[in-house]
Amino acid sequence: MIIPVRCFSCGKPIGQFWEEFKKRSEEGEDTGKILDDLGLERYCCRACMLGHADMLPEISKFKKS
């Protein structure tokens, strides 16, 4: 739901890269190049960024009881 602050496997901080990754990928840039530019070289960190589904806008529509 919310981008993890750290990688689940290795513990490297990756949360600060999410906004730029999202912006550049929506513009149509190659995701592999974006991850290389951000310095995410490990497979586990790349998987955390690529596998994340931003569901916060959908969940925020529901009223908290």
Protein backbone atom coordinates (compact mmCIF):
# COMPACT_ATOMS: atom_id res chain seq x y z
CA MET A 1 0.00 0.00 0.00
CA ILE A 2 2.67 2.50 1.04
CA ILE A 3 6.13 2.16 -0.46
CA PRO A 4 8.43 0.42 1.99
CA VAL A 5 11.04 2.63 3.62
CA ARG A 6 13.63 -0.15 3.43
CA CYS A 7 14.13 -3.14 1.15
CA PHE A 8 12.54 -6.25 2.63
CA SER A 9 15.57 -8.44 1.92
CA CYS A 10 18.72 -6.39 2.40
CA GLY A 11 17.48 -3.41 4.45
CA LYS A 12 18.77 -0.70 2.11
CA PRO A 13 16.74 2.54 2.34
CA ILE A 14 14.67 2.84 -0.86
CA GLY A 15 11.66 4.96 0.16
CA GLN A 16 13.21 8.25 -0.91
CA PHE A 17 13.41 7.06 -4.53
CA TRP A 18 9.70 6.32 -5.01
CA GLU A 19 8.46 9.77 -6.08
CA GLU A 20 11.14 10.20 -8.75
CA PHE A 21 10.71 6.62 -9.95
CA LYS A 22 6.95 7.05 -10.25
CA LYS A 23 7.25 10.41 -12.05
CA ARG A 24 9.85 9.20 -14.55
CA SER A 25 8.08 5.90 -15.25
CA GLU A 26 4.78 7.70 -15.93
CA GLU A 27 6.61 9.86 -18.47
CA GLY A 28 7.48 6.67 -20.36
CA GLU A 29 11.16 6.32 -19.51
CA ASP A 30 12.65 2.82 -19.37
CA THR A 31 12.30 1.44 -15.82
CA GLY A 32 15.65 -0.35 -15.94
CA LYS A 33 17.44 2.90 -16.76
CA ILE A 34 15.58 4.73 -13.99
CA LEU A 35 16.60 2.14 -11.40
CA ASP A 36 20.21 2.29 -12.61
CA ASP A 37 20.23 6.10 -12.33
CA LEU A 38 18.80 5.93 -8.80
CA GLY A 39 21.56 3.53 -7.74
CA LEU A 40 19.35 0.49 -7.15
CA GLU A 41 21.55 -2.34 -8.39
CA ARG A 42 20.46 -5.27 -6.22
CA TYR A 43 17.69 -7.53 -7.49
CA CYS A 44 15.81 -7.37 -4.20
CA CYS A 45 15.67 -3.55 -4.19
CA ARG A 46 14.62 -3.45 -7.83
CA ALA A 47 11.88 -5.99 -7.14
CA CYS A 48 10.53 -3.88 -4.27
CA MET A 49 10.22 -0.87 -6.57
CA LEU A 50 8.83 -2.73 -9.57
CA GLY A 51 6.44 -4.88 -7.59
CA HIS A 52 4.88 -2.08 -5.57
CA ALA A 53 1.24 -1.27 -6.33
CA ASP A 54 0.17 2.21 -5.19
CA MET A 55 -3.28 1.52 -3.75
CA LEU A 56 -3.52 4.48 -1.39
CA PRO A 57 -5.91 6.52 -3.63
CA GLU A 58 -8.38 3.62 -3.82
CA ILE A 59 -8.22 2.84 -0.10
CA SER A 60 -8.61 6.46 0.95
CA LYS A 61 -12.10 6.53 -0.63
CA PHE A 62 -13.52 4.32 2.14
CA LYS A 63 -14.72 5.79 5.39
CA LYS A 64 -12.97 4.69 8.53
CA SER A 65 -15.47 3.18 11.01
